[in-house]
Amino acid sequence: MKTLLKLVVIGTFLLSFSCRETKKDDAETEAMIEQIEAVESDIDNISEDVDAKAEALEAAIKELDSI
């Protein structure tokens, strides 16, 4: 019976450490996901700005061609 109790205590101990490490990994993953989403948002904003400027340049070129 003592052996079984020791195995249960050791198993519980190991599981508690594995859960802590999983929580840490999950927190790190969540932080990386937030950083990636922030970068994607910046890229979308920059892309929209580039598209707007490209349209303005195309309009200016058409105006120059019509002269």
N, C-alpha and C. Protein backbone atom coordinates (compact mmCIF):
# COMPACT_ATOMS: atom_id res chain seq x y z
N MET A 1 0.82 -1.19 0.00
CA MET A 1 0.00 0.00 0.00
C MET A 1 0.87 1.26 0.00
N LYS A 2 2.00 1.21 0.70
CA LYS A 2 2.88 2.37 0.73
C LYS A 2 3.45 2.67 -0.66
N THR A 3 3.74 1.63 -1.41
CA THR A 3 4.27 1.81 -2.76
C THR A 3 3.25 2.49 -3.65
N LEU A 4 2.00 2.08 -3.54
CA LEU A 4 0.94 2.68 -4.33
C LEU A 4 0.76 4.15 -3.97
N LEU A 5 0.82 4.45 -2.67
CA LEU A 5 0.69 5.83 -2.22
C LEU A 5 1.85 6.68 -2.74
N LYS A 6 3.06 6.13 -2.72
CA LYS A 6 4.22 6.85 -3.24
C LYS A 6 4.06 7.13 -4.74
N LEU A 7 3.57 6.14 -5.48
CA LEU A 7 3.36 6.33 -6.92
C LEU A 7 2.32 7.40 -7.20
N VAL A 8 1.26 7.43 -6.41
CA VAL A 8 0.22 8.44 -6.59
C VAL A 8 0.77 9.82 -6.28
N VAL A 9 1.54 9.96 -5.21
CA VAL A 9 2.13 11.25 -4.86
C VAL A 9 3.10 11.71 -5.94
N ILE A 10 3.95 10.82 -6.42
CA ILE A 10 4.91 11.17 -7.48
C ILE A 10 4.16 11.55 -8.76
N GLY A 11 3.13 10.81 -9.09
CA GLY A 11 2.34 11.13 -10.29
C GLY A 11 1.69 12.49 -10.19
N THR A 12 1.12 12.79 -9.03
CA THR A 12 0.49 14.10 -8.81
C THR A 12 1.53 15.21 -8.92
N PHE A 13 2.69 14.98 -8.35
CA PHE A 13 3.78 15.95 -8.40
C PHE A 13 4.21 16.23 -9.84
N LEU A 14 4.38 15.19 -10.62
CA LEU A 14 4.78 15.34 -12.02
C LEU A 14 3.70 16.04 -12.83
N LEU A 15 2.46 15.71 -12.59
CA LEU A 15 1.36 16.36 -13.33
C LEU A 15 1.28 17.84 -13.01
N SER A 16 1.52 18.20 -11.76
CA SER A 16 1.46 19.62 -11.40
C SER A 16 2.53 20.41 -12.13
N PHE A 17 3.73 19.83 -12.27
CA PHE A 17 4.78 20.53 -13.01
C PHE A 17 4.49 20.60 -14.49
N SER A 18 3.92 19.57 -15.04
CA SER A 18 3.62 19.59 -16.47
C SER A 18 2.52 20.60 -16.76
N CYS A 19 1.57 20.76 -15.87
CA CYS A 19 0.52 21.76 -16.07
C CYS A 19 1.08 23.17 -15.99
N ARG A 20 2.00 23.40 -15.09
CA ARG A 20 2.60 24.73 -14.97
C ARG A 20 3.35 25.10 -16.24
N GLU A 21 4.07 24.15 -16.77
CA GLU A 21 4.83 24.41 -17.99
C GLU A 21 3.89 24.65 -19.16
N THR A 22 2.78 23.94 -19.20
CA THR A 22 1.80 24.13 -20.27
C THR A 22 1.20 25.53 -20.18
N LYS A 23 0.90 25.98 -18.97
CA LYS A 23 0.34 27.32 -18.80
C LYS A 23 1.35 28.38 -19.25
N LYS A 24 2.61 28.16 -18.94
CA LYS A 24 3.65 29.10 -19.35
C LYS A 24 3.76 29.13 -20.87
N ASP A 25 3.75 27.97 -21.49
CA ASP A 25 3.81 27.89 -22.94
C ASP A 25 2.59 28.56 -23.58
N ASP A 26 1.42 28.36 -22.99
CA ASP A 26 0.21 28.98 -23.51
C ASP A 26 0.30 30.50 -23.42
N ALA A 27 0.83 31.01 -22.32
CA ALA A 27 0.97 32.46 -22.16
C ALA A 27 1.95 33.02 -23.19
N GLU A 28 3.06 32.32 -23.43
CA GLU A 28 4.03 32.78 -24.42
C GLU A 28 3.42 32.75 -25.82
N THR A 29 2.66 31.71 -26.11
CA THR A 29 2.01 31.59 -27.41
C THR A 29 1.00 32.71 -27.61
N GLU A 30 0.24 33.01 -26.58
CA GLU A 30 -0.75 34.09 -26.67
C GLU A 30 -0.07 35.43 -26.92
N ALA A 31 1.05 35.67 -26.25
CA ALA A 31 1.79 36.92 -26.45
C ALA A 31 2.31 37.02 -27.88
N MET A 32 2.81 35.92 -28.42
CA MET A 32 3.31 35.94 -29.80
C MET A 32 2.17 36.17 -30.78
N ILE A 33 1.02 35.58 -30.52
CA ILE A 33 -0.13 35.77 -31.40
C ILE A 33 -0.55 37.23 -31.41
N GLU A 34 -0.54 37.87 -30.24
CA GLU A 34 -0.90 39.29 -30.17
C GLU A 34 0.10 40.15 -30.95
N GLN A 35 1.38 39.81 -30.86
CA GLN A 35 2.39 40.55 -31.62
C GLN A 35 2.19 40.37 -33.11
N ILE A 36 1.88 39.16 -33.53
CA ILE A 36 1.65 38.88 -34.95
C ILE A 36 0.44 39.65 -35.45
N GLU A 37 -0.62 39.68 -34.64
CA GLU A 37 -1.82 40.41 -35.04
C GLU A 37 -1.54 41.91 -35.16
N ALA A 38 -0.70 42.43 -34.26
CA ALA A 38 -0.33 43.84 -34.33
C ALA A 38 0.44 44.13 -35.60
N VAL A 39 1.35 43.25 -35.97
CA VAL A 39 2.13 43.43 -37.20
C VAL A 39 1.22 43.34 -38.42
N GLU A 40 0.28 42.39 -38.40
CA GLU A 40 -0.66 42.27 -39.52
C GLU A 40 -1.51 43.53 -39.66
N SER A 41 -1.91 44.10 -38.54
CA SER A 41 -2.68 45.34 -38.58
C SER A 41 -1.85 46.47 -39.19
N ASP A 42 -0.59 46.58 -38.78
CA ASP A 42 0.29 47.60 -39.35
C ASP A 42 0.47 47.39 -40.84
N ILE A 43 0.64 46.14 -41.26
CA ILE A 43 0.80 45.84 -42.68
C ILE A 43 -0.44 46.24 -43.46
N ASP A 44 -1.62 45.96 -42.91
CA ASP A 44 -2.86 46.34 -43.58
C ASP A 44 -2.95 47.85 -43.74
N ASN A 45 -2.59 48.59 -42.68
CA ASN A 45 -2.63 50.05 -42.75
C ASN A 45 -1.66 50.58 -43.80
N ILE A 46 -0.47 50.03 -43.82
CA ILE A 46 0.54 50.47 -44.80
C ILE A 46 0.09 50.12 -46.21
N SER A 47 -0.51 48.96 -46.38
CA SER A 47 -0.99 48.54 -47.69
C SER A 47 -2.08 49.49 -48.19
N GLU A 48 -2.97 49.87 -47.30
CA GLU A 48 -4.03 50.82 -47.69
C GLU A 48 -3.43 52.16 -48.09
N ASP A 49 -2.43 52.63 -47.35
CA ASP A 49 -1.77 53.89 -47.68
C ASP A 49 -1.09 53.81 -49.04
N VAL A 50 -0.42 52.71 -49.30
CA VAL A 50 0.27 52.54 -50.59
C VAL A 50 -0.75 52.51 -51.73
N ASP A 51 -1.86 51.81 -51.53
CA ASP A 51 -2.89 51.76 -52.56
C ASP A 51 -3.46 53.15 -52.84
N ALA A 52 -3.70 53.92 -51.78
CA ALA A 52 -4.24 55.28 -51.97
C ALA A 52 -3.25 56.15 -52.72
N LYS A 53 -1.98 56.05 -52.36
CA LYS A 53 -0.96 56.86 -53.04
C LYS A 53 -0.78 56.41 -54.49
N ALA A 54 -0.90 55.12 -54.75
CA ALA A 54 -0.79 54.61 -56.12
C ALA A 54 -1.94 55.14 -56.96
N GLU A 55 -3.13 55.16 -56.41
CA GLU A 55 -4.28 55.70 -57.15
C GLU A 55 -4.08 57.18 -57.44
N ALA A 56 -3.55 57.92 -56.47
CA ALA A 56 -3.30 59.35 -56.68
C ALA A 56 -2.25 59.54 -57.77
N LEU A 57 -1.21 58.73 -57.78
CA LEU A 57 -0.19 58.83 -58.82
C LEU A 57 -0.75 58.48 -60.20
N GLU A 58 -1.60 57.46 -60.27
CA GLU A 58 -2.21 57.10 -61.54
C GLU A 58 -3.08 58.24 -62.07
N ALA A 59 -3.81 58.87 -61.17
CA ALA A 59 -4.64 60.01 -61.59
C ALA A 59 -3.76 61.16 -62.09
N ALA A 60 -2.65 61.41 -61.41
CA ALA A 60 -1.73 62.49 -61.83
C ALA A 60 -1.12 62.15 -63.18
N ILE A 61 -0.77 60.90 -63.41
CA ILE A 61 -0.19 60.50 -64.69
C ILE A 61 -1.21 60.64 -65.82
N LYS A 62 -2.45 60.26 -65.56
CA LYS A 62 -3.51 60.42 -66.58
C LYS A 62 -3.72 61.88 -66.91
N GLU A 63 -3.63 62.72 -65.88
CA GLU A 63 -3.81 64.16 -66.11
C GLU A 63 -2.67 64.71 -66.95
N LEU A 64 -1.45 64.24 -66.68
CA LEU A 64 -0.31 64.69 -67.47
C LEU A 64 -0.39 64.18 -68.90
N ASP A 65 -0.89 62.97 -69.09
CA ASP A 65 -1.03 62.42 -70.44
C ASP A 65 -2.05 63.21 -71.25
N SER A 66 -3.04 63.74 -70.60
CA SER A 66 -4.09 64.47 -71.33
C SER A 66 -3.64 65.85 -71.74
N ILE A 67 -2.52 66.30 -71.23
CA ILE A 67 -2.04 67.66 -71.60
C ILE A 67 -1.48 67.66 -72.97
